[in-house]
Amino acid sequence: MNKSYEEIALEVAENRREALKKELDTIEAYISILRSQQGLKKDYTVTIVDSPSNNEPKIFYGGGQAIDSNYPIGEGLAKKFLYFIDKCQRFVHIREVANMIVETEGKNPYPDISLLSQRISSSTSEEKKSLASIKVGTSTRNIFWGHKDWLNADGSIKRGFEYNESEVV
């Protein structure tokens, strides 16, 4: 007995589904290996989605936003602080970076943003030596960090590297 077109199409689709399940199992195993090498917590979710626009997969980590391949997953707060300074290409506030980390990773490892900000500040003392700081006004709560070459000779911020004014308290 000959199979109908619909029966053949169904059989092909079911075979493809099984092949995709096997491929997914392989990817899940690979992610588990990467997690263990990166020291990530096992309860984090990593989802890889193909991006048709640039053929580079986007990675979603912990339910957060898409992360580029340079994001220091599993690294300390100091590396994440430097990553966001470079990504933003402007002076940033530590509180601002704390919010970016939470948004990116989908959760805050500390009870609130202010504690995460304090942890970032205390863990970046070495990195801050190679950066420039700009104090806005008289409050020490308004210090922004960026690269030294983003400053003019007179210490003012070069055009295009300005901090986000909404971060000034």
N, C-alpha and C. Protein backbone atom coordinates (compact mmCIF):
# COMPACT_ATOMS: atom_id res chain seq x y z
N MET A 1 0.84 -1.18 0.00
CA MET A 1 0.00 0.00 0.00
C MET A 1 0.87 1.24 0.00
N ASN A 2 0.56 2.18 -0.87
CA ASN A 2 1.30 3.43 -0.97
C ASN A 2 0.83 4.40 0.11
N LYS A 3 1.79 5.16 0.61
CA LYS A 3 1.46 6.16 1.62
C LYS A 3 0.99 7.43 0.93
N SER A 4 0.07 8.11 1.60
CA SER A 4 -0.40 9.38 1.06
C SER A 4 0.65 10.47 1.33
N TYR A 5 0.51 11.56 0.65
CA TYR A 5 1.42 12.70 0.83
C TYR A 5 1.42 13.15 2.28
N GLU A 6 0.26 13.22 2.90
CA GLU A 6 0.14 13.65 4.30
C GLU A 6 0.86 12.69 5.24
N GLU A 7 0.73 11.38 4.98
CA GLU A 7 1.41 10.39 5.83
C GLU A 7 2.93 10.52 5.72
N ILE A 8 3.41 10.73 4.52
CA ILE A 8 4.85 10.91 4.30
C ILE A 8 5.33 12.18 5.00
N ALA A 9 4.59 13.28 4.83
CA ALA A 9 4.96 14.55 5.45
C ALA A 9 4.99 14.42 6.97
N LEU A 10 4.00 13.70 7.53
CA LEU A 10 3.95 13.49 8.97
C LEU A 10 5.15 12.68 9.44
N GLU A 11 5.49 11.63 8.70
CA GLU A 11 6.64 10.79 9.06
C GLU A 11 7.95 11.60 9.01
N VAL A 12 8.11 12.43 8.00
CA VAL A 12 9.31 13.28 7.88
C VAL A 12 9.37 14.28 9.04
N ALA A 13 8.23 14.88 9.36
CA ALA A 13 8.19 15.86 10.46
C ALA A 13 8.52 15.19 11.79
N GLU A 14 7.98 13.99 12.05
CA GLU A 14 8.28 13.29 13.31
C GLU A 14 9.75 12.89 13.39
N ASN A 15 10.33 12.45 12.28
CA ASN A 15 11.76 12.11 12.25
C ASN A 15 12.61 13.35 12.54
N ARG A 16 12.21 14.47 11.94
CA ARG A 16 12.96 15.72 12.17
C ARG A 16 12.85 16.14 13.64
N ARG A 17 11.67 15.99 14.23
CA ARG A 17 11.48 16.31 15.65
C ARG A 17 12.40 15.48 16.52
N GLU A 18 12.53 14.20 16.25
CA GLU A 18 13.41 13.33 17.04
C GLU A 18 14.87 13.74 16.89
N ALA A 19 15.25 14.11 15.68
CA ALA A 19 16.63 14.56 15.45
C ALA A 19 16.90 15.85 16.22
N LEU A 20 15.94 16.76 16.24
CA LEU A 20 16.09 18.02 16.97
C LEU A 20 16.16 17.78 18.49
N LYS A 21 15.40 16.81 18.98
CA LYS A 21 15.46 16.48 20.41
C LYS A 21 16.86 15.99 20.78
N LYS A 22 17.44 15.15 19.91
CA LYS A 22 18.80 14.66 20.18
C LYS A 22 19.80 15.82 20.15
N GLU A 23 19.64 16.72 19.20
CA GLU A 23 20.52 17.88 19.12
C GLU A 23 20.37 18.76 20.36
N LEU A 24 19.15 18.94 20.81
CA LEU A 24 18.91 19.74 22.02
C LEU A 24 19.56 19.09 23.24
N ASP A 25 19.48 17.78 23.36
CA ASP A 25 20.13 17.08 24.47
C ASP A 25 21.63 17.31 24.44
N THR A 26 22.21 17.31 23.26
CA THR A 26 23.65 17.57 23.12
C THR A 26 23.98 18.99 23.56
N ILE A 27 23.18 19.95 23.16
CA ILE A 27 23.40 21.35 23.54
C ILE A 27 23.26 21.52 25.05
N GLU A 28 22.25 20.88 25.65
CA GLU A 28 22.05 20.96 27.11
C GLU A 28 23.26 20.39 27.84
N ALA A 29 23.82 19.30 27.34
CA ALA A 29 25.01 18.71 27.96
C ALA A 29 26.18 19.67 27.84
N TYR A 30 26.33 20.31 26.69
CA TYR A 30 27.40 21.27 26.48
C TYR A 30 27.25 22.46 27.44
N ILE A 31 26.04 22.94 27.59
CA ILE A 31 25.79 24.05 28.52
C ILE A 31 26.14 23.64 29.94
N SER A 32 25.80 22.43 30.34
CA SER A 32 26.14 21.96 31.68
C SER A 32 27.65 21.94 31.89
N ILE A 33 28.38 21.52 30.88
CA ILE A 33 29.85 21.52 30.96
C ILE A 33 30.36 22.93 31.11
N LEU A 34 29.86 23.84 30.30
CA LEU A 34 30.29 25.24 30.37
C LEU A 34 29.97 25.85 31.72
N ARG A 35 28.78 25.56 32.25
CA ARG A 35 28.40 26.06 33.57
C ARG A 35 29.38 25.61 34.63
N SER A 36 29.72 24.33 34.61
CA SER A 36 30.62 23.81 35.63
C SER A 36 32.01 24.43 35.49
N GLN A 37 32.44 24.70 34.26
CA GLN A 37 33.74 25.33 34.05
C GLN A 37 33.72 26.79 34.44
N GLN A 38 32.61 27.45 34.28
CA GLN A 38 32.50 28.87 34.59
C GLN A 38 32.10 29.11 36.04
N GLY A 39 31.77 28.08 36.77
CA GLY A 39 31.38 28.24 38.16
C GLY A 39 29.98 28.82 38.32
N LEU A 40 29.12 28.63 37.33
CA LEU A 40 27.78 29.17 37.42
C LEU A 40 26.90 28.28 38.29
N LYS A 41 25.91 28.89 38.88
CA LYS A 41 24.96 28.12 39.68
C LYS A 41 24.12 27.25 38.75
N LYS A 42 23.80 26.08 39.22
CA LYS A 42 23.08 25.11 38.38
C LYS A 42 21.65 25.53 38.09
N ASP A 43 21.07 26.44 38.89
CA ASP A 43 19.67 26.80 38.67
C ASP A 43 19.51 27.91 37.64
N TYR A 44 20.61 28.43 37.09
CA TYR A 44 20.50 29.45 36.06
C TYR A 44 20.06 28.80 34.76
N THR A 45 19.29 29.51 34.00
CA THR A 45 18.81 29.01 32.72
C THR A 45 19.56 29.72 31.60
N VAL A 46 20.07 28.96 30.67
CA VAL A 46 20.73 29.54 29.51
C VAL A 46 19.95 29.10 28.29
N THR A 47 19.55 30.05 27.48
CA THR A 47 18.82 29.75 26.26
C THR A 47 19.58 30.34 25.09
N ILE A 48 19.82 29.56 24.08
CA ILE A 48 20.51 30.04 22.89
C ILE A 48 19.49 30.13 21.77
N VAL A 49 19.41 31.31 21.15
CA VAL A 49 18.44 31.54 20.10
C VAL A 49 19.20 32.01 18.87
N ASP A 50 18.95 31.37 17.73
CA ASP A 50 19.60 31.79 16.49
C ASP A 50 19.09 33.17 16.10
N SER A 51 20.00 34.00 15.66
CA SER A 51 19.67 35.34 15.20
C SER A 51 19.83 35.40 13.69
N PRO A 52 18.73 35.45 12.95
CA PRO A 52 18.84 35.42 11.49
C PRO A 52 19.50 36.67 10.92
N SER A 53 19.54 37.77 11.66
CA SER A 53 20.07 39.01 11.11
C SER A 53 21.59 38.98 10.97
N ASN A 54 22.30 38.39 11.95
CA ASN A 54 23.76 38.43 11.85
C ASN A 54 24.39 37.05 12.03
N ASN A 55 23.59 36.02 12.00
CA ASN A 55 24.05 34.63 12.11
C ASN A 55 24.84 34.33 13.38
N GLU A 56 24.76 35.20 14.38
CA GLU A 56 25.40 34.93 15.67
C GLU A 56 24.30 34.65 16.69
N PRO A 57 24.37 33.52 17.36
CA PRO A 57 23.31 33.23 18.32
C PRO A 57 23.31 34.23 19.46
N LYS A 58 22.14 34.52 19.99
CA LYS A 58 22.03 35.37 21.15
C LYS A 58 21.84 34.46 22.37
N ILE A 59 22.47 34.82 23.46
CA ILE A 59 22.40 34.01 24.67
C ILE A 59 21.61 34.77 25.71
N PHE A 60 20.60 34.11 26.28
CA PHE A 60 19.83 34.68 27.37
C PHE A 60 20.22 33.93 28.63
N TYR A 61 20.59 34.65 29.66
CA TYR A 61 21.18 34.08 30.86
C TYR A 61 20.31 34.43 32.05
N GLY A 62 19.84 33.45 32.75
CA GLY A 62 19.07 33.70 33.97
C GLY A 62 17.77 34.43 33.74
N GLY A 63 17.22 34.36 32.55
CA GLY A 63 15.94 35.02 32.29
C GLY A 63 16.10 36.50 31.95
N GLY A 64 17.31 36.99 31.82
CA GLY A 64 17.56 38.39 31.53
C GLY A 64 17.52 38.69 30.05
N GLN A 65 18.18 39.78 29.68
CA GLN A 65 18.20 40.20 28.28
C GLN A 65 19.31 39.48 27.52
N ALA A 66 19.32 39.66 26.22
CA ALA A 66 20.33 39.01 25.40
C ALA A 66 21.72 39.51 25.78
N ILE A 67 22.66 38.61 25.81
CA ILE A 67 24.03 38.92 26.18
C ILE A 67 24.92 38.67 24.97
N ASP A 68 25.83 39.62 24.72
CA ASP A 68 26.76 39.35 23.63
C ASP A 68 27.82 38.37 24.13
N SER A 69 28.61 37.86 23.20
CA SER A 69 29.56 36.81 23.54
C SER A 69 30.71 37.30 24.44
N ASN A 70 30.86 38.60 24.62
CA ASN A 70 31.92 39.13 25.47
C ASN A 70 31.51 39.30 26.93
N TYR A 71 30.23 39.11 27.25
CA TYR A 71 29.79 39.31 28.63
C TYR A 71 30.49 38.29 29.53
N PRO A 72 31.07 38.75 30.64
CA PRO A 72 31.85 37.85 31.51
C PRO A 72 30.98 36.99 32.42
N ILE A 73 30.24 36.07 31.84
CA ILE A 73 29.40 35.15 32.60
C ILE A 73 30.29 34.35 33.54
N GLY A 74 29.90 34.27 34.79
CA GLY A 74 30.65 33.49 35.75
C GLY A 74 31.87 34.20 36.32
N GLU A 75 32.14 35.41 35.86
CA GLU A 75 33.26 36.18 36.37
C GLU A 75 32.79 37.05 37.53
N GLY A 76 33.74 37.68 38.18
CA GLY A 76 33.43 38.53 39.32
C GLY A 76 32.84 39.87 38.91
N LEU A 77 32.43 40.63 39.92
CA LEU A 77 31.80 41.92 39.68
C LEU A 77 32.75 42.93 39.03
N ALA A 78 34.04 42.84 39.33
CA ALA A 78 35.00 43.77 38.76
C ALA A 78 35.03 43.65 37.23
N LYS A 79 35.04 42.43 36.72
CA LYS A 79 35.06 42.24 35.26
C LYS A 79 33.75 42.71 34.63
N LYS A 80 32.65 42.50 35.33
CA LYS A 80 31.35 42.96 34.81
C LYS A 80 31.30 44.49 34.80
N PHE A 81 31.87 45.13 35.82
CA PHE A 81 31.95 46.58 35.89
C PHE A 81 32.71 47.12 34.68
N LEU A 82 33.87 46.56 34.40
CA LEU A 82 34.67 46.99 33.24
C LEU A 82 33.95 46.71 31.92
N TYR A 83 33.26 45.57 31.86
CA TYR A 83 32.51 45.21 30.66
C TYR A 83 31.48 46.30 30.33
N PHE A 84 30.72 46.73 31.35
CA PHE A 84 29.66 47.72 31.09
C PHE A 84 30.23 49.10 30.79
N ILE A 85 31.38 49.45 31.36
CA ILE A 85 32.01 50.72 30.98
C ILE A 85 32.35 50.67 29.49
N ASP A 86 32.95 49.57 29.06
CA ASP A 86 33.32 49.44 27.65
C ASP A 86 32.10 49.35 26.75
N LYS A 87 31.08 48.64 27.19
CA LYS A 87 29.88 48.48 26.36
C LYS A 87 29.14 49.81 26.20
N CYS A 88 29.03 50.56 27.29
CA CYS A 88 28.31 51.83 27.24
C CYS A 88 29.10 52.92 26.51
N GLN A 89 30.42 52.79 26.50
CA GLN A 89 31.29 53.78 25.86
C GLN A 89 31.02 55.19 26.38
N ARG A 90 30.87 55.28 27.71
CA ARG A 90 30.66 56.57 28.38
C ARG A 90 30.91 56.37 29.87
N PHE A 91 30.97 57.47 30.59
CA PHE A 91 31.12 57.38 32.04
C PHE A 91 29.84 56.81 32.64
N VAL A 92 30.01 55.90 33.60
CA VAL A 92 28.86 55.25 34.24
C VAL A 92 29.00 55.32 35.76
N HIS A 93 27.87 55.25 36.41
CA HIS A 93 27.83 55.22 37.87
C HIS A 93 27.76 53.76 38.31
N ILE A 94 28.34 53.45 39.45
CA ILE A 94 28.32 52.06 39.95
C ILE A 94 26.89 51.57 40.14
N ARG A 95 26.01 52.44 40.62
CA ARG A 95 24.60 52.07 40.80
C ARG A 95 23.97 51.70 39.45
N GLU A 96 24.36 52.44 38.41
CA GLU A 96 23.87 52.18 37.05
C GLU A 96 24.35 50.81 36.58
N VAL A 97 25.61 50.49 36.84
CA VAL A 97 26.16 49.18 36.45
C VAL A 97 25.45 48.07 37.22
N ALA A 98 25.18 48.30 38.50
CA ALA A 98 24.45 47.29 39.29
C ALA A 98 23.11 46.97 38.64
N ASN A 99 22.40 48.00 38.21
CA ASN A 99 21.11 47.78 37.54
C ASN A 99 21.29 47.03 36.22
N MET A 100 22.37 47.32 35.49
CA MET A 100 22.63 46.62 34.23
C MET A 100 22.92 45.15 34.47
N ILE A 101 23.65 44.85 35.53
CA ILE A 101 23.95 43.45 35.85
C ILE A 101 22.67 42.70 36.16
N VAL A 102 21.81 43.29 36.98
CA VAL A 102 20.55 42.64 37.34
C VAL A 102 19.68 42.46 36.10
N GLU A 103 19.62 43.48 35.26
CA GLU A 103 18.82 43.39 34.03
C GLU A 103 19.36 42.31 33.10
N THR A 104 20.67 42.23 32.99
CA THR A 104 21.29 41.26 32.10
C THR A 104 21.15 39.84 32.61
N GLU A 105 21.41 39.64 33.90
CA GLU A 105 21.41 38.29 34.44
C GLU A 105 20.04 37.83 34.92
N GLY A 106 19.09 38.75 35.00
CA GLY A 106 17.73 38.37 35.35
C GLY A 106 17.47 38.22 36.83
N LYS A 107 18.49 38.46 37.66
CA LYS A 107 18.25 38.41 39.10
C LYS A 107 19.39 39.10 39.83
N ASN A 108 19.11 39.54 41.04
CA ASN A 108 20.10 40.21 41.87
C ASN A 108 20.57 39.22 42.93
N PRO A 109 21.88 38.94 43.00
CA PRO A 109 22.37 37.99 44.00
C PRO A 109 22.34 38.56 45.41
N TYR A 110 22.02 39.85 45.56
CA TYR A 110 21.96 40.51 46.86
C TYR A 110 20.54 40.98 47.13
N PRO A 111 20.22 41.29 48.39
CA PRO A 111 18.84 41.68 48.72
C PRO A 111 18.35 42.94 48.00
N ASP A 112 19.25 43.89 47.70
CA ASP A 112 18.82 45.09 46.99
C ASP A 112 19.96 45.67 46.16
N ILE A 113 19.62 46.64 45.33
CA ILE A 113 20.59 47.26 44.42
C ILE A 113 21.69 47.97 45.18
N SER A 114 21.36 48.62 46.30
CA SER A 114 22.39 49.36 47.02
C SER A 114 23.48 48.43 47.56
N LEU A 115 23.11 47.24 48.00
CA LEU A 115 24.11 46.28 48.47
C LEU A 115 24.96 45.77 47.31
N LEU A 116 24.34 45.51 46.19
CA LEU A 116 25.09 45.09 44.99
C LEU A 116 26.05 46.21 44.58
N SER A 117 25.59 47.46 44.61
CA SER A 117 26.45 48.60 44.27
C SER A 117 27.65 48.66 45.21
N GLN A 118 27.42 48.45 46.50
CA GLN A 118 28.52 48.45 47.47
C GLN A 118 29.51 47.34 47.16
N ARG A 119 29.02 46.16 46.81
CA ARG A 119 29.90 45.04 46.49
C ARG A 119 30.73 45.34 45.23
N ILE A 120 30.10 45.97 44.26
CA ILE A 120 30.84 46.34 43.04
C ILE A 120 31.93 47.34 43.40
N SER A 121 31.58 48.33 44.19
CA SER A 121 32.54 49.36 44.58
C SER A 121 33.74 48.76 45.32
N SER A 122 33.48 47.87 46.25
CA SER A 122 34.57 47.30 47.04
C SER A 122 35.40 46.29 46.23
N SER A 123 34.81 45.68 45.24
CA SER A 123 35.53 44.66 44.47
C SER A 123 36.29 45.23 43.28
N THR A 124 36.17 46.53 43.05
CA THR A 124 36.80 47.13 41.87
C THR A 124 37.92 48.10 42.22
N SER A 125 38.45 48.03 43.43
CA SER A 125 39.48 49.00 43.84
C SER A 125 40.71 48.95 42.93
N GLU A 126 41.14 47.77 42.52
CA GLU A 126 42.30 47.66 41.62
C GLU A 126 41.97 48.21 40.24
N GLU A 127 40.81 47.88 39.72
CA GLU A 127 40.40 48.32 38.39
C GLU A 127 40.25 49.84 38.34
N LYS A 128 39.79 50.43 39.44
CA LYS A 128 39.57 51.87 39.48
C LYS A 128 40.88 52.64 39.31
N LYS A 129 42.00 52.03 39.65
CA LYS A 129 43.30 52.70 39.52
C LYS A 129 43.61 53.02 38.05
N SER A 130 43.08 52.23 37.14
CA SER A 130 43.35 52.46 35.72
C SER A 130 42.24 53.28 35.05
N LEU A 131 41.24 53.69 35.83
CA LEU A 131 40.11 54.43 35.28
C LEU A 131 40.15 55.88 35.75
N ALA A 132 39.32 56.69 35.14
CA ALA A 132 39.14 58.08 35.55
C ALA A 132 37.80 58.18 36.27
N SER A 133 37.77 59.03 37.29
CA SER A 133 36.51 59.27 37.99
C SER A 133 36.15 60.74 37.87
N ILE A 134 34.86 60.98 37.74
CA ILE A 134 34.33 62.33 37.66
C ILE A 134 33.32 62.48 38.80
N LYS A 135 33.54 63.48 39.64
CA LYS A 135 32.61 63.76 40.73
C LYS A 135 31.72 64.92 40.30
N VAL A 136 30.42 64.69 40.34
CA VAL A 136 29.45 65.70 39.94
C VAL A 136 28.91 66.36 41.19
N GLY A 137 29.11 67.63 41.31
CA GLY A 137 28.67 68.36 42.51
C GLY A 137 29.59 68.05 43.68
N THR A 138 29.03 68.14 44.88
CA THR A 138 29.85 67.94 46.08
C THR A 138 29.63 66.58 46.73
N SER A 139 28.62 65.87 46.32
CA SER A 139 28.29 64.58 46.93
C SER A 139 29.18 63.46 46.40
N THR A 140 29.70 62.65 47.31
CA THR A 140 30.49 61.49 46.87
C THR A 140 29.60 60.40 46.28
N ARG A 141 28.31 60.60 46.36
CA ARG A 141 27.37 59.64 45.76
C ARG A 141 27.26 59.84 44.26
N ASN A 142 27.87 60.89 43.74
CA ASN A 142 27.78 61.20 42.31
C ASN A 142 29.14 61.09 41.64
N ILE A 143 29.74 59.92 41.76
CA ILE A 143 31.01 59.67 41.09
C ILE A 143 30.76 58.72 39.92
N PHE A 144 31.26 59.11 38.77
CA PHE A 144 31.10 58.35 37.54
C PHE A 144 32.47 57.87 37.07
N TRP A 145 32.50 56.67 36.48
CA TRP A 145 33.75 56.03 36.09
C TRP A 145 33.81 55.82 34.59
N GLY A 146 35.00 56.02 34.03
CA GLY A 146 35.23 55.80 32.61
C GLY A 146 36.72 55.71 32.36
N HIS A 147 37.09 55.61 31.11
CA HIS A 147 38.50 55.50 30.74
C HIS A 147 39.17 56.87 30.74
N LYS A 148 40.44 56.89 31.11
CA LYS A 148 41.19 58.14 31.20
C LYS A 148 41.26 58.86 29.85
N ASP A 149 41.29 58.12 28.76
CA ASP A 149 41.37 58.77 27.45
C ASP A 149 40.03 59.36 27.01
N TRP A 150 39.01 59.26 27.84
CA TRP A 150 37.73 59.91 27.57
C TRP A 150 37.68 61.32 28.16
N LEU A 151 38.81 61.77 28.72
CA LEU A 151 38.89 63.10 29.30
C LEU A 151 39.74 64.01 28.43
N ASN A 152 39.37 65.28 28.41
CA ASN A 152 40.19 66.30 27.77
C ASN A 152 41.37 66.62 28.68
N ALA A 153 42.31 67.37 28.17
CA ALA A 153 43.50 67.75 28.95
C ALA A 153 43.12 68.51 30.22
N ASP A 154 42.03 69.27 30.19
CA ASP A 154 41.61 70.04 31.37
C ASP A 154 40.80 69.21 32.37
N GLY A 155 40.62 67.92 32.09
CA GLY A 155 39.88 67.04 33.01
C GLY A 155 38.39 66.95 32.73
N SER A 156 37.90 67.70 31.76
CA SER A 156 36.48 67.61 31.40
C SER A 156 36.26 66.39 30.50
N ILE A 157 35.03 65.95 30.47
CA ILE A 157 34.69 64.76 29.67
C ILE A 157 34.61 65.13 28.20
N LYS A 158 35.24 64.32 27.37
CA LYS A 158 35.17 64.52 25.93
C LYS A 158 33.74 64.30 25.45
N ARG A 159 33.39 65.01 24.41
CA ARG A 159 32.06 64.89 23.81
C ARG A 159 31.81 63.43 23.38
N GLY A 160 30.65 62.92 23.72
CA GLY A 160 30.27 61.56 23.36
C GLY A 160 30.50 60.54 24.47
N PHE A 161 31.23 60.93 25.51
CA PHE A 161 31.51 60.02 26.63
C PHE A 161 30.83 60.50 27.92
N GLU A 162 29.90 61.44 27.81
CA GLU A 162 29.23 62.01 28.96
C GLU A 162 28.40 60.97 29.72
N TYR A 163 28.30 61.16 31.01
CA TYR A 163 27.51 60.28 31.86
C TYR A 163 26.02 60.55 31.65
N ASN A 164 25.20 59.63 32.10
CA ASN A 164 23.76 59.75 32.03
C ASN A 164 23.31 60.67 33.17
N GLU A 165 22.81 61.85 32.86
CA GLU A 165 22.44 62.84 33.88
C GLU A 165 21.33 62.36 34.79
N SER A 166 20.54 61.40 34.35
CA SER A 166 19.46 60.90 35.21
C SER A 166 20.01 60.09 36.38
N GLU A 167 21.29 59.74 36.34
CA GLU A 167 21.92 58.98 37.43
C GLU A 167 22.44 59.88 38.55
N VAL A 168 22.42 61.19 38.36
CA VAL A 168 22.88 62.11 39.39
C VAL A 168 21.80 62.21 40.46
N VAL A 169 22.24 62.04 41.73
CA VAL A 169 21.27 62.13 42.85
C VAL A 169 21.47 63.41 43.62
